[in-house]
N, C-alpha and C. Protein backbone atom coordinates (compact mmCIF):
# COMPACT_ATOMS: atom_id res chain seq x y z
N MET A 1 -13.85 -9.91 -234.42
CA MET A 1 -14.82 -9.48 -233.41
C MET A 1 -14.14 -8.58 -232.39
N LYS A 2 -14.87 -7.55 -232.01
CA LYS A 2 -14.39 -6.72 -230.91
C LYS A 2 -14.87 -7.33 -229.60
N ARG A 3 -14.27 -6.86 -228.48
CA ARG A 3 -14.58 -7.46 -227.19
C ARG A 3 -14.67 -6.40 -226.11
N LEU A 4 -15.72 -6.50 -225.28
CA LEU A 4 -15.80 -5.72 -224.05
C LEU A 4 -15.52 -6.68 -222.90
N ILE A 5 -14.53 -6.34 -222.09
CA ILE A 5 -14.17 -7.15 -220.93
C ILE A 5 -14.58 -6.40 -219.68
N LEU A 6 -15.38 -7.03 -218.83
CA LEU A 6 -15.71 -6.48 -217.53
C LEU A 6 -14.91 -7.26 -216.50
N VAL A 7 -14.01 -6.60 -215.79
CA VAL A 7 -13.29 -7.25 -214.70
C VAL A 7 -14.03 -6.86 -213.43
N THR A 8 -14.62 -7.88 -212.79
CA THR A 8 -15.54 -7.64 -211.69
C THR A 8 -15.17 -8.47 -210.47
N SER A 9 -15.67 -8.01 -209.33
CA SER A 9 -15.50 -8.74 -208.07
C SER A 9 -15.89 -7.80 -206.94
N PRO A 10 -16.00 -8.34 -205.75
CA PRO A 10 -16.18 -7.46 -204.59
C PRO A 10 -14.94 -6.59 -204.38
N PRO A 11 -15.10 -5.48 -203.65
CA PRO A 11 -13.96 -4.59 -203.39
C PRO A 11 -12.77 -5.31 -202.76
N ALA A 12 -11.59 -4.85 -203.13
CA ALA A 12 -10.30 -5.30 -202.59
C ALA A 12 -9.93 -6.73 -202.98
N SER A 13 -10.57 -7.24 -204.01
CA SER A 13 -10.22 -8.57 -204.51
C SER A 13 -9.00 -8.53 -205.42
N GLY A 14 -8.58 -7.34 -205.79
CA GLY A 14 -7.43 -7.19 -206.68
C GLY A 14 -7.83 -6.82 -208.09
N LYS A 15 -9.06 -6.34 -208.27
CA LYS A 15 -9.57 -5.97 -209.60
C LYS A 15 -8.65 -5.02 -210.35
N THR A 16 -8.23 -3.97 -209.66
CA THR A 16 -7.42 -2.95 -210.35
C THR A 16 -6.07 -3.52 -210.78
N TYR A 17 -5.42 -4.23 -209.89
CA TYR A 17 -4.12 -4.81 -210.25
C TYR A 17 -4.28 -5.81 -211.40
N VAL A 18 -5.25 -6.70 -211.27
CA VAL A 18 -5.50 -7.70 -212.32
C VAL A 18 -5.83 -7.00 -213.63
N SER A 19 -6.72 -6.01 -213.57
CA SER A 19 -7.14 -5.28 -214.78
C SER A 19 -5.97 -4.62 -215.48
N LYS A 20 -5.13 -3.94 -214.71
CA LYS A 20 -3.99 -3.23 -215.29
C LYS A 20 -2.98 -4.22 -215.90
N GLN A 21 -2.76 -5.33 -215.23
CA GLN A 21 -1.83 -6.33 -215.76
C GLN A 21 -2.38 -6.97 -217.03
N LEU A 22 -3.68 -7.25 -217.04
CA LEU A 22 -4.30 -7.77 -218.27
C LEU A 22 -4.16 -6.75 -219.40
N ALA A 23 -4.48 -5.49 -219.11
CA ALA A 23 -4.42 -4.45 -220.14
C ALA A 23 -3.00 -4.31 -220.70
N LYS A 24 -2.00 -4.42 -219.84
CA LYS A 24 -0.61 -4.31 -220.30
C LYS A 24 -0.23 -5.47 -221.22
N ASN A 25 -0.87 -6.62 -221.03
CA ASN A 25 -0.52 -7.81 -221.81
C ASN A 25 -1.38 -8.00 -223.06
N LEU A 26 -2.47 -7.28 -223.17
CA LEU A 26 -3.34 -7.39 -224.35
C LEU A 26 -2.92 -6.40 -225.42
N LYS A 27 -3.25 -6.72 -226.66
CA LYS A 27 -2.95 -5.81 -227.76
C LYS A 27 -4.20 -5.00 -228.09
N HIS A 28 -4.04 -3.76 -228.42
CA HIS A 28 -5.16 -2.91 -228.84
C HIS A 28 -6.27 -2.89 -227.80
N VAL A 29 -5.96 -2.39 -226.64
CA VAL A 29 -6.95 -2.35 -225.56
C VAL A 29 -7.09 -0.93 -225.02
N VAL A 30 -8.31 -0.56 -224.69
CA VAL A 30 -8.58 0.69 -223.99
C VAL A 30 -8.94 0.29 -222.56
N TYR A 31 -8.23 0.86 -221.59
CA TYR A 31 -8.45 0.55 -220.18
C TYR A 31 -9.29 1.66 -219.56
N LEU A 32 -10.40 1.28 -218.92
CA LEU A 32 -11.27 2.23 -218.22
C LEU A 32 -11.47 1.76 -216.79
N ASP A 33 -11.33 2.68 -215.85
CA ASP A 33 -11.48 2.36 -214.43
C ASP A 33 -12.59 3.23 -213.85
N LYS A 34 -13.63 2.58 -213.32
CA LYS A 34 -14.75 3.34 -212.75
C LYS A 34 -14.29 4.24 -211.60
N ASP A 35 -13.23 3.86 -210.91
CA ASP A 35 -12.74 4.69 -209.81
C ASP A 35 -12.29 6.08 -210.27
N THR A 36 -12.00 6.23 -211.56
CA THR A 36 -11.63 7.54 -212.09
C THR A 36 -12.78 8.53 -211.89
N LEU A 37 -14.01 8.02 -211.83
CA LEU A 37 -15.18 8.89 -211.66
C LEU A 37 -15.39 9.32 -210.21
N ILE A 38 -14.64 8.76 -209.28
CA ILE A 38 -14.84 9.06 -207.86
C ILE A 38 -14.65 10.55 -207.56
N VAL A 39 -13.74 11.19 -208.26
CA VAL A 39 -13.54 12.63 -208.03
C VAL A 39 -14.84 13.41 -208.26
N LEU A 40 -15.61 13.01 -209.25
CA LEU A 40 -16.90 13.66 -209.50
C LEU A 40 -17.91 13.30 -208.41
N SER A 41 -17.90 12.04 -208.00
CA SER A 41 -18.82 11.60 -206.95
C SER A 41 -18.55 12.32 -205.64
N LYS A 42 -17.28 12.49 -205.31
CA LYS A 42 -16.94 13.21 -204.08
C LYS A 42 -17.51 14.63 -204.11
N GLN A 43 -17.44 15.25 -205.28
CA GLN A 43 -17.96 16.61 -205.39
C GLN A 43 -19.48 16.65 -205.21
N ILE A 44 -20.17 15.60 -205.66
CA ILE A 44 -21.63 15.53 -205.46
C ILE A 44 -21.94 15.47 -203.97
N PHE A 45 -21.18 14.69 -203.21
CA PHE A 45 -21.38 14.64 -201.75
C PHE A 45 -21.19 16.04 -201.15
N VAL A 46 -20.14 16.74 -201.57
CA VAL A 46 -19.85 18.08 -201.04
C VAL A 46 -20.99 19.04 -201.36
N VAL A 47 -21.38 19.09 -202.61
CA VAL A 47 -22.43 20.03 -203.04
C VAL A 47 -23.75 19.74 -202.34
N ALA A 48 -24.02 18.45 -202.11
CA ALA A 48 -25.28 18.07 -201.45
C ALA A 48 -25.20 18.18 -199.93
N GLY A 49 -24.01 18.50 -199.40
CA GLY A 49 -23.85 18.61 -197.96
C GLY A 49 -23.98 17.27 -197.25
N GLN A 50 -23.54 16.20 -197.93
CA GLN A 50 -23.64 14.85 -197.37
C GLN A 50 -22.26 14.35 -196.94
N GLU A 51 -22.25 13.49 -195.92
CA GLU A 51 -21.02 12.83 -195.51
C GLU A 51 -20.55 11.92 -196.64
N TYR A 52 -19.25 11.88 -196.89
CA TYR A 52 -18.71 11.02 -197.93
C TYR A 52 -18.79 9.57 -197.46
N ASN A 53 -19.74 8.83 -198.03
CA ASN A 53 -19.95 7.44 -197.65
C ASN A 53 -20.52 6.71 -198.86
N ARG A 54 -19.68 5.92 -199.51
CA ARG A 54 -20.09 5.21 -200.73
C ARG A 54 -20.95 3.99 -200.43
N SER A 55 -21.30 3.80 -199.17
CA SER A 55 -22.24 2.74 -198.79
C SER A 55 -23.57 3.33 -198.31
N SER A 56 -23.74 4.62 -198.46
CA SER A 56 -24.92 5.30 -197.92
C SER A 56 -26.13 5.23 -198.85
N ASP A 57 -27.30 5.51 -198.29
CA ASP A 57 -28.52 5.61 -199.09
C ASP A 57 -28.40 6.73 -200.11
N PHE A 58 -27.75 7.84 -199.72
CA PHE A 58 -27.56 8.97 -200.64
C PHE A 58 -26.76 8.52 -201.87
N PHE A 59 -25.68 7.80 -201.65
CA PHE A 59 -24.86 7.31 -202.76
C PHE A 59 -25.68 6.40 -203.66
N GLU A 60 -26.42 5.48 -203.05
CA GLU A 60 -27.25 4.54 -203.82
C GLU A 60 -28.28 5.27 -204.68
N ALA A 61 -28.92 6.29 -204.12
CA ALA A 61 -30.00 6.98 -204.82
C ALA A 61 -29.50 7.98 -205.86
N ASN A 62 -28.33 8.57 -205.64
CA ASN A 62 -27.93 9.71 -206.47
C ASN A 62 -26.64 9.57 -207.27
N ILE A 63 -25.87 8.52 -207.00
CA ILE A 63 -24.56 8.46 -207.64
C ILE A 63 -24.27 7.11 -208.29
N ARG A 64 -24.47 6.02 -207.56
CA ARG A 64 -23.98 4.71 -207.96
C ARG A 64 -24.32 4.33 -209.40
N ASP A 65 -25.60 4.30 -209.73
CA ASP A 65 -26.01 3.84 -211.06
C ASP A 65 -25.51 4.77 -212.17
N TYR A 66 -25.36 6.05 -211.85
CA TYR A 66 -24.86 7.01 -212.84
C TYR A 66 -23.38 6.77 -213.15
N GLU A 67 -22.61 6.36 -212.14
CA GLU A 67 -21.21 6.01 -212.40
C GLU A 67 -21.13 4.84 -213.37
N TYR A 68 -21.96 3.82 -213.14
CA TYR A 68 -21.95 2.65 -214.02
C TYR A 68 -22.41 3.01 -215.43
N ALA A 69 -23.46 3.80 -215.54
CA ALA A 69 -23.93 4.22 -216.86
C ALA A 69 -22.85 4.99 -217.60
N ALA A 70 -22.15 5.87 -216.90
CA ALA A 70 -21.10 6.68 -217.53
C ALA A 70 -19.95 5.82 -218.03
N ILE A 71 -19.51 4.85 -217.22
CA ILE A 71 -18.36 4.03 -217.64
C ILE A 71 -18.73 3.12 -218.80
N VAL A 72 -19.96 2.61 -218.82
CA VAL A 72 -20.39 1.77 -219.96
C VAL A 72 -20.52 2.63 -221.21
N ASP A 73 -21.05 3.84 -221.09
CA ASP A 73 -21.13 4.74 -222.25
C ASP A 73 -19.74 5.05 -222.81
N LEU A 74 -18.78 5.30 -221.92
CA LEU A 74 -17.41 5.54 -222.37
C LEU A 74 -16.85 4.32 -223.11
N ALA A 75 -17.15 3.14 -222.59
CA ALA A 75 -16.67 1.91 -223.24
C ALA A 75 -17.29 1.74 -224.62
N MET A 76 -18.59 1.99 -224.74
CA MET A 76 -19.26 1.85 -226.04
C MET A 76 -18.64 2.82 -227.06
N GLU A 77 -18.33 4.00 -226.61
CA GLU A 77 -17.69 4.96 -227.52
C GLU A 77 -16.28 4.49 -227.89
N ALA A 78 -15.53 3.99 -226.92
CA ALA A 78 -14.16 3.54 -227.19
C ALA A 78 -14.13 2.36 -228.16
N LEU A 79 -15.17 1.53 -228.14
CA LEU A 79 -15.21 0.39 -229.05
C LEU A 79 -15.31 0.81 -230.51
N GLU A 80 -15.65 2.05 -230.76
CA GLU A 80 -15.64 2.57 -232.13
C GLU A 80 -14.21 2.73 -232.65
N TYR A 81 -13.24 2.78 -231.72
CA TYR A 81 -11.87 3.13 -232.11
C TYR A 81 -10.84 2.05 -231.82
N ASP A 82 -11.20 1.03 -231.06
CA ASP A 82 -10.24 -0.03 -230.78
C ASP A 82 -10.97 -1.36 -230.63
N ASP A 83 -10.19 -2.46 -230.64
CA ASP A 83 -10.76 -3.81 -230.67
C ASP A 83 -11.22 -4.32 -229.32
N ILE A 84 -10.53 -3.93 -228.25
CA ILE A 84 -10.85 -4.42 -226.91
C ILE A 84 -10.97 -3.24 -225.97
N VAL A 85 -12.03 -3.25 -225.18
CA VAL A 85 -12.17 -2.29 -224.10
C VAL A 85 -12.33 -3.09 -222.82
N LEU A 86 -11.54 -2.72 -221.82
CA LEU A 86 -11.57 -3.40 -220.54
C LEU A 86 -12.05 -2.42 -219.48
N ILE A 87 -13.13 -2.76 -218.79
CA ILE A 87 -13.64 -1.93 -217.70
C ILE A 87 -13.30 -2.60 -216.38
N ASN A 88 -12.67 -1.84 -215.52
CA ASN A 88 -12.37 -2.27 -214.16
C ASN A 88 -13.43 -1.64 -213.24
N ALA A 89 -14.37 -2.46 -212.77
CA ALA A 89 -15.43 -1.97 -211.89
C ALA A 89 -16.11 -3.16 -211.22
N PRO A 90 -16.62 -3.00 -210.01
CA PRO A 90 -17.23 -4.15 -209.32
C PRO A 90 -18.39 -4.79 -210.08
N PHE A 91 -19.32 -4.02 -210.61
CA PHE A 91 -20.49 -4.56 -211.33
C PHE A 91 -21.17 -5.68 -210.55
N THR A 92 -20.99 -5.73 -209.23
CA THR A 92 -21.48 -6.86 -208.45
C THR A 92 -23.00 -7.01 -208.53
N ARG A 93 -23.72 -5.92 -208.58
CA ARG A 93 -25.18 -5.99 -208.69
C ARG A 93 -25.59 -6.29 -210.13
N GLU A 94 -24.96 -5.63 -211.07
CA GLU A 94 -25.34 -5.74 -212.47
C GLU A 94 -25.13 -7.15 -213.04
N ILE A 95 -24.02 -7.79 -212.68
CA ILE A 95 -23.76 -9.11 -213.28
C ILE A 95 -24.71 -10.18 -212.78
N ARG A 96 -25.43 -9.90 -211.71
CA ARG A 96 -26.42 -10.86 -211.20
C ARG A 96 -27.84 -10.47 -211.61
N ASP A 97 -27.95 -9.42 -212.42
CA ASP A 97 -29.24 -8.94 -212.91
C ASP A 97 -29.38 -9.40 -214.38
N THR A 98 -30.17 -10.44 -214.58
CA THR A 98 -30.31 -11.03 -215.92
C THR A 98 -30.79 -10.00 -216.94
N GLY A 99 -31.73 -9.16 -216.55
CA GLY A 99 -32.24 -8.14 -217.47
C GLY A 99 -31.15 -7.16 -217.90
N TYR A 100 -30.35 -6.70 -216.94
CA TYR A 100 -29.26 -5.78 -217.24
C TYR A 100 -28.25 -6.43 -218.19
N MET A 101 -27.84 -7.66 -217.86
CA MET A 101 -26.83 -8.33 -218.67
C MET A 101 -27.34 -8.66 -220.07
N ASN A 102 -28.60 -9.06 -220.19
CA ASN A 102 -29.16 -9.34 -221.51
C ASN A 102 -29.22 -8.07 -222.35
N ALA A 103 -29.61 -6.97 -221.72
CA ALA A 103 -29.66 -5.69 -222.45
C ALA A 103 -28.27 -5.26 -222.90
N LEU A 104 -27.27 -5.45 -222.04
CA LEU A 104 -25.90 -5.10 -222.41
C LEU A 104 -25.41 -5.98 -223.56
N ARG A 105 -25.66 -7.28 -223.48
CA ARG A 105 -25.25 -8.19 -224.56
C ARG A 105 -25.92 -7.81 -225.88
N GLU A 106 -27.21 -7.47 -225.81
CA GLU A 106 -27.95 -7.08 -227.02
C GLU A 106 -27.35 -5.82 -227.64
N LYS A 107 -27.03 -4.86 -226.80
CA LYS A 107 -26.41 -3.62 -227.27
C LYS A 107 -25.06 -3.90 -227.92
N LEU A 108 -24.28 -4.80 -227.30
CA LEU A 108 -22.97 -5.15 -227.84
C LEU A 108 -23.09 -5.94 -229.14
N THR A 109 -24.05 -6.85 -229.21
CA THR A 109 -24.26 -7.65 -230.42
C THR A 109 -24.53 -6.74 -231.62
N ARG A 110 -25.30 -5.68 -231.41
CA ARG A 110 -25.59 -4.74 -232.50
C ARG A 110 -24.32 -4.06 -233.00
N LYS A 111 -23.30 -4.00 -232.17
CA LYS A 111 -22.02 -3.38 -232.56
C LYS A 111 -20.98 -4.44 -232.94
N ASN A 112 -21.41 -5.72 -233.03
CA ASN A 112 -20.51 -6.82 -233.35
C ASN A 112 -19.40 -6.95 -232.30
N VAL A 113 -19.81 -6.89 -231.04
CA VAL A 113 -18.87 -6.96 -229.91
C VAL A 113 -19.29 -8.12 -229.01
N VAL A 114 -18.32 -8.92 -228.58
CA VAL A 114 -18.60 -9.99 -227.62
C VAL A 114 -18.29 -9.49 -226.20
N LEU A 115 -18.99 -10.06 -225.23
CA LEU A 115 -18.80 -9.70 -223.83
C LEU A 115 -18.07 -10.83 -223.11
N THR A 116 -17.04 -10.46 -222.38
CA THR A 116 -16.34 -11.39 -221.50
C THR A 116 -16.34 -10.79 -220.10
N VAL A 117 -16.83 -11.55 -219.13
CA VAL A 117 -16.77 -11.15 -217.73
C VAL A 117 -15.65 -11.93 -217.07
N ILE A 118 -14.74 -11.21 -216.44
CA ILE A 118 -13.67 -11.85 -215.67
C ILE A 118 -13.96 -11.58 -214.20
N TRP A 119 -14.26 -12.66 -213.47
CA TRP A 119 -14.55 -12.57 -212.05
C TRP A 119 -13.27 -12.83 -211.27
N VAL A 120 -12.84 -11.84 -210.49
CA VAL A 120 -11.63 -12.00 -209.68
C VAL A 120 -12.04 -12.65 -208.36
N GLN A 121 -11.58 -13.87 -208.16
CA GLN A 121 -11.94 -14.65 -206.98
C GLN A 121 -10.80 -14.57 -205.96
N THR A 122 -11.13 -14.03 -204.77
CA THR A 122 -10.14 -13.83 -203.73
C THR A 122 -10.76 -14.18 -202.38
N ASP A 123 -9.99 -14.79 -201.51
CA ASP A 123 -10.48 -15.12 -200.17
C ASP A 123 -10.88 -13.84 -199.43
N VAL A 124 -11.94 -13.93 -198.63
CA VAL A 124 -12.47 -12.78 -197.91
C VAL A 124 -11.43 -12.13 -197.01
N GLU A 125 -10.67 -12.93 -196.29
CA GLU A 125 -9.67 -12.36 -195.37
C GLU A 125 -8.54 -11.66 -196.13
N VAL A 126 -8.22 -12.16 -197.32
CA VAL A 126 -7.22 -11.49 -198.15
C VAL A 126 -7.75 -10.12 -198.57
N CYS A 127 -9.03 -10.05 -198.91
CA CYS A 127 -9.66 -8.77 -199.29
C CYS A 127 -9.61 -7.78 -198.13
N ARG A 128 -9.93 -8.25 -196.94
CA ARG A 128 -9.92 -7.36 -195.76
C ARG A 128 -8.51 -6.79 -195.54
N GLN A 129 -7.51 -7.65 -195.62
CA GLN A 129 -6.14 -7.19 -195.41
C GLN A 129 -5.73 -6.20 -196.50
N ARG A 130 -6.18 -6.43 -197.73
CA ARG A 130 -5.85 -5.49 -198.81
C ARG A 130 -6.49 -4.13 -198.57
N MET A 131 -7.71 -4.12 -198.02
CA MET A 131 -8.35 -2.84 -197.69
C MET A 131 -7.54 -2.11 -196.63
N ILE A 132 -7.10 -2.83 -195.63
CA ILE A 132 -6.28 -2.23 -194.57
C ILE A 132 -5.00 -1.67 -195.17
N ASP A 133 -4.35 -2.45 -196.01
CA ASP A 133 -3.07 -2.06 -196.60
C ASP A 133 -3.19 -0.85 -197.53
N ARG A 134 -4.26 -0.78 -198.31
CA ARG A 134 -4.38 0.34 -199.26
C ARG A 134 -4.81 1.63 -198.59
N ASN A 135 -5.40 1.53 -197.39
CA ASN A 135 -5.68 2.70 -196.56
C ASN A 135 -6.41 3.81 -197.34
N SER A 136 -7.49 3.44 -198.01
CA SER A 136 -8.25 4.39 -198.82
C SER A 136 -9.49 4.87 -198.07
N ASP A 137 -9.83 6.15 -198.26
CA ASP A 137 -11.02 6.69 -197.58
C ASP A 137 -12.30 6.00 -198.05
N ARG A 138 -12.30 5.43 -199.25
CA ARG A 138 -13.50 4.75 -199.74
C ARG A 138 -13.79 3.48 -198.95
N ASP A 139 -12.78 2.96 -198.22
CA ASP A 139 -12.95 1.73 -197.44
C ASP A 139 -13.19 1.99 -195.96
N ARG A 140 -13.11 3.23 -195.53
CA ARG A 140 -13.19 3.53 -194.10
C ARG A 140 -14.46 2.96 -193.47
N TRP A 141 -15.61 3.25 -194.07
CA TRP A 141 -16.87 2.76 -193.51
C TRP A 141 -16.88 1.24 -193.51
N LYS A 142 -16.42 0.63 -194.58
CA LYS A 142 -16.44 -0.84 -194.70
C LYS A 142 -15.63 -1.48 -193.58
N LEU A 143 -14.44 -0.96 -193.33
CA LEU A 143 -13.59 -1.53 -192.29
C LEU A 143 -14.14 -1.25 -190.90
N ASP A 144 -14.69 -0.05 -190.70
CA ASP A 144 -15.25 0.30 -189.39
C ASP A 144 -16.51 -0.51 -189.07
N HIS A 145 -17.20 -0.98 -190.09
CA HIS A 145 -18.44 -1.75 -189.92
C HIS A 145 -18.31 -3.09 -190.65
N TRP A 146 -17.19 -3.77 -190.47
CA TRP A 146 -16.84 -4.94 -191.26
C TRP A 146 -17.94 -6.00 -191.28
N ASP A 147 -18.46 -6.38 -190.12
CA ASP A 147 -19.46 -7.45 -190.09
C ASP A 147 -20.71 -7.06 -190.87
N GLU A 148 -21.15 -5.82 -190.70
CA GLU A 148 -22.33 -5.34 -191.44
C GLU A 148 -22.03 -5.29 -192.94
N TYR A 149 -20.87 -4.77 -193.28
CA TYR A 149 -20.49 -4.66 -194.69
C TYR A 149 -20.38 -6.03 -195.35
N ILE A 150 -19.63 -6.94 -194.73
CA ILE A 150 -19.35 -8.23 -195.37
C ILE A 150 -20.60 -9.08 -195.48
N ALA A 151 -21.56 -8.87 -194.59
CA ALA A 151 -22.82 -9.63 -194.66
C ALA A 151 -23.59 -9.31 -195.95
N GLY A 152 -23.35 -8.14 -196.52
CA GLY A 152 -24.05 -7.74 -197.74
C GLY A 152 -23.27 -7.95 -199.02
N VAL A 153 -22.12 -8.60 -198.94
CA VAL A 153 -21.26 -8.79 -200.12
C VAL A 153 -21.34 -10.26 -200.56
N ASN A 154 -21.58 -10.44 -201.85
CA ASN A 154 -21.69 -11.78 -202.41
C ASN A 154 -20.38 -12.15 -203.10
N PHE A 155 -19.65 -13.07 -202.51
CA PHE A 155 -18.38 -13.52 -203.08
C PHE A 155 -18.54 -14.72 -204.00
N ASP A 156 -19.79 -15.18 -204.19
CA ASP A 156 -20.04 -16.33 -205.06
C ASP A 156 -19.78 -15.97 -206.52
N ILE A 157 -19.21 -16.89 -207.25
CA ILE A 157 -18.99 -16.71 -208.69
C ILE A 157 -20.36 -16.57 -209.36
N PRO A 158 -20.54 -15.58 -210.22
CA PRO A 158 -21.84 -15.38 -210.89
C PRO A 158 -22.05 -16.41 -212.01
N LYS A 159 -22.31 -17.64 -211.61
CA LYS A 159 -22.39 -18.76 -212.56
C LYS A 159 -23.54 -18.60 -213.55
N GLU A 160 -24.51 -17.75 -213.23
CA GLU A 160 -25.63 -17.54 -214.15
C GLU A 160 -25.16 -16.92 -215.47
N LEU A 161 -23.95 -16.38 -215.49
CA LEU A 161 -23.40 -15.78 -216.71
C LEU A 161 -22.73 -16.80 -217.61
N ASP A 162 -22.50 -17.98 -217.10
CA ASP A 162 -21.71 -18.97 -217.82
C ASP A 162 -22.58 -19.79 -218.77
N ASP A 163 -22.34 -19.62 -220.07
CA ASP A 163 -22.98 -20.42 -221.10
C ASP A 163 -22.02 -21.58 -221.40
N PRO A 164 -22.45 -22.84 -221.15
CA PRO A 164 -21.53 -23.97 -221.36
C PRO A 164 -21.03 -24.10 -222.80
N ASP A 165 -21.73 -23.47 -223.73
CA ASP A 165 -21.31 -23.54 -225.13
C ASP A 165 -20.33 -22.43 -225.51
N CYS A 166 -19.98 -21.58 -224.56
CA CYS A 166 -19.10 -20.45 -224.83
C CYS A 166 -17.88 -20.54 -223.90
N LYS A 167 -16.68 -20.49 -224.48
CA LYS A 167 -15.47 -20.66 -223.67
C LYS A 167 -14.98 -19.37 -223.03
N ASP A 168 -15.52 -18.20 -223.45
CA ASP A 168 -14.95 -16.95 -222.96
C ASP A 168 -15.98 -15.95 -222.45
N ASP A 169 -17.16 -16.42 -222.05
CA ASP A 169 -18.16 -15.48 -221.53
C ASP A 169 -17.94 -15.17 -220.05
N LEU A 170 -17.53 -16.16 -219.26
CA LEU A 170 -17.21 -15.98 -217.85
C LEU A 170 -15.90 -16.69 -217.56
N LEU A 171 -14.90 -15.90 -217.16
CA LEU A 171 -13.58 -16.44 -216.83
C LEU A 171 -13.28 -16.13 -215.37
N ILE A 172 -12.73 -17.09 -214.65
CA ILE A 172 -12.42 -16.91 -213.24
C ILE A 172 -10.92 -16.66 -213.09
N PHE A 173 -10.60 -15.52 -212.46
CA PHE A 173 -9.21 -15.15 -212.22
C PHE A 173 -8.96 -15.32 -210.72
N LYS A 174 -8.27 -16.38 -210.36
CA LYS A 174 -7.99 -16.65 -208.95
C LYS A 174 -6.83 -15.76 -208.50
N ASN A 175 -7.04 -15.07 -207.35
CA ASN A 175 -6.09 -14.02 -206.97
C ASN A 175 -5.85 -13.93 -205.47
N SER A 176 -5.78 -15.07 -204.80
CA SER A 176 -5.48 -15.03 -203.36
C SER A 176 -3.99 -15.19 -203.07
N SER A 177 -3.22 -15.54 -204.09
CA SER A 177 -1.77 -15.69 -203.92
C SER A 177 -1.09 -15.37 -205.25
N GLU A 178 0.21 -15.18 -205.20
CA GLU A 178 1.00 -14.89 -206.40
C GLU A 178 0.97 -16.07 -207.37
N THR A 179 0.99 -17.28 -206.85
CA THR A 179 0.94 -18.47 -207.70
C THR A 179 -0.38 -18.52 -208.47
N GLU A 180 -1.49 -18.30 -207.76
CA GLU A 180 -2.80 -18.27 -208.42
C GLU A 180 -2.84 -17.17 -209.48
N PHE A 181 -2.32 -16.00 -209.12
CA PHE A 181 -2.32 -14.87 -210.05
C PHE A 181 -1.60 -15.23 -211.34
N GLN A 182 -0.39 -15.77 -211.24
CA GLN A 182 0.41 -16.08 -212.43
C GLN A 182 -0.28 -17.10 -213.32
N LYS A 183 -0.84 -18.14 -212.72
CA LYS A 183 -1.53 -19.17 -213.51
C LYS A 183 -2.77 -18.59 -214.18
N SER A 184 -3.57 -17.82 -213.44
CA SER A 184 -4.78 -17.24 -214.01
C SER A 184 -4.46 -16.27 -215.14
N MET A 185 -3.41 -15.47 -214.97
CA MET A 185 -3.03 -14.51 -216.01
C MET A 185 -2.70 -15.26 -217.30
N LYS A 186 -1.90 -16.29 -217.21
CA LYS A 186 -1.54 -17.06 -218.40
C LYS A 186 -2.76 -17.70 -219.04
N ASP A 187 -3.58 -18.36 -218.23
CA ASP A 187 -4.75 -19.07 -218.75
C ASP A 187 -5.73 -18.11 -219.43
N ILE A 188 -5.99 -16.98 -218.81
CA ILE A 188 -6.97 -16.04 -219.37
C ILE A 188 -6.45 -15.36 -220.62
N LEU A 189 -5.19 -14.98 -220.62
CA LEU A 189 -4.62 -14.40 -221.85
C LEU A 189 -4.69 -15.39 -223.00
N ASP A 190 -4.41 -16.66 -222.72
CA ASP A 190 -4.48 -17.69 -223.76
C ASP A 190 -5.90 -17.77 -224.35
N ILE A 191 -6.89 -17.70 -223.51
CA ILE A 191 -8.29 -17.78 -223.98
C ILE A 191 -8.67 -16.54 -224.78
N ILE A 192 -8.36 -15.37 -224.25
CA ILE A 192 -8.78 -14.12 -224.92
C ILE A 192 -8.05 -13.94 -226.25
N GLU A 193 -6.79 -14.32 -226.30
CA GLU A 193 -6.00 -14.08 -227.52
C GLU A 193 -6.08 -15.21 -228.53
N SER A 194 -6.79 -16.29 -228.21
CA SER A 194 -6.86 -17.41 -229.17
C SER A 194 -7.83 -17.13 -230.30
């Protein structure tokens, strides 16, 4: 069976680091990062004469869903050529949308591909500090409006994805400390590679 892995979580939870480390440890994997599409999104803001703000109504209406559609399309194509595709992207809205997830699973089933969601669980204050440390323009609005931003972010594990009869549909990667990271990496690799 082939596998599509979605590594998801709120921003600054460590998705990219976790995703890259998982990809380095897996065999026959294609790594895709939705942030690679940001260069195109920035150009859309420029052409439209809009302030660069990935939390804006403009971004929501004209860019966000297209980035997700593009990265999933790239993954579906990559699954034609390799056994595992790993997407690093928040998917925070999509994984809580039963219709979206059912449609994705159905599409994958037709290609004989299983879906594994890895939720990176990190303490909120650790996420805030990581945003400060990475000093990225994509986080500027979030940090400047922290209370407003954090009020709209759901850090709860998307338990609606967990089928008790399936051991690898939803995996939790704890990432608030190095100790948690090391244990989660070992446990998740053991499950995926078994």
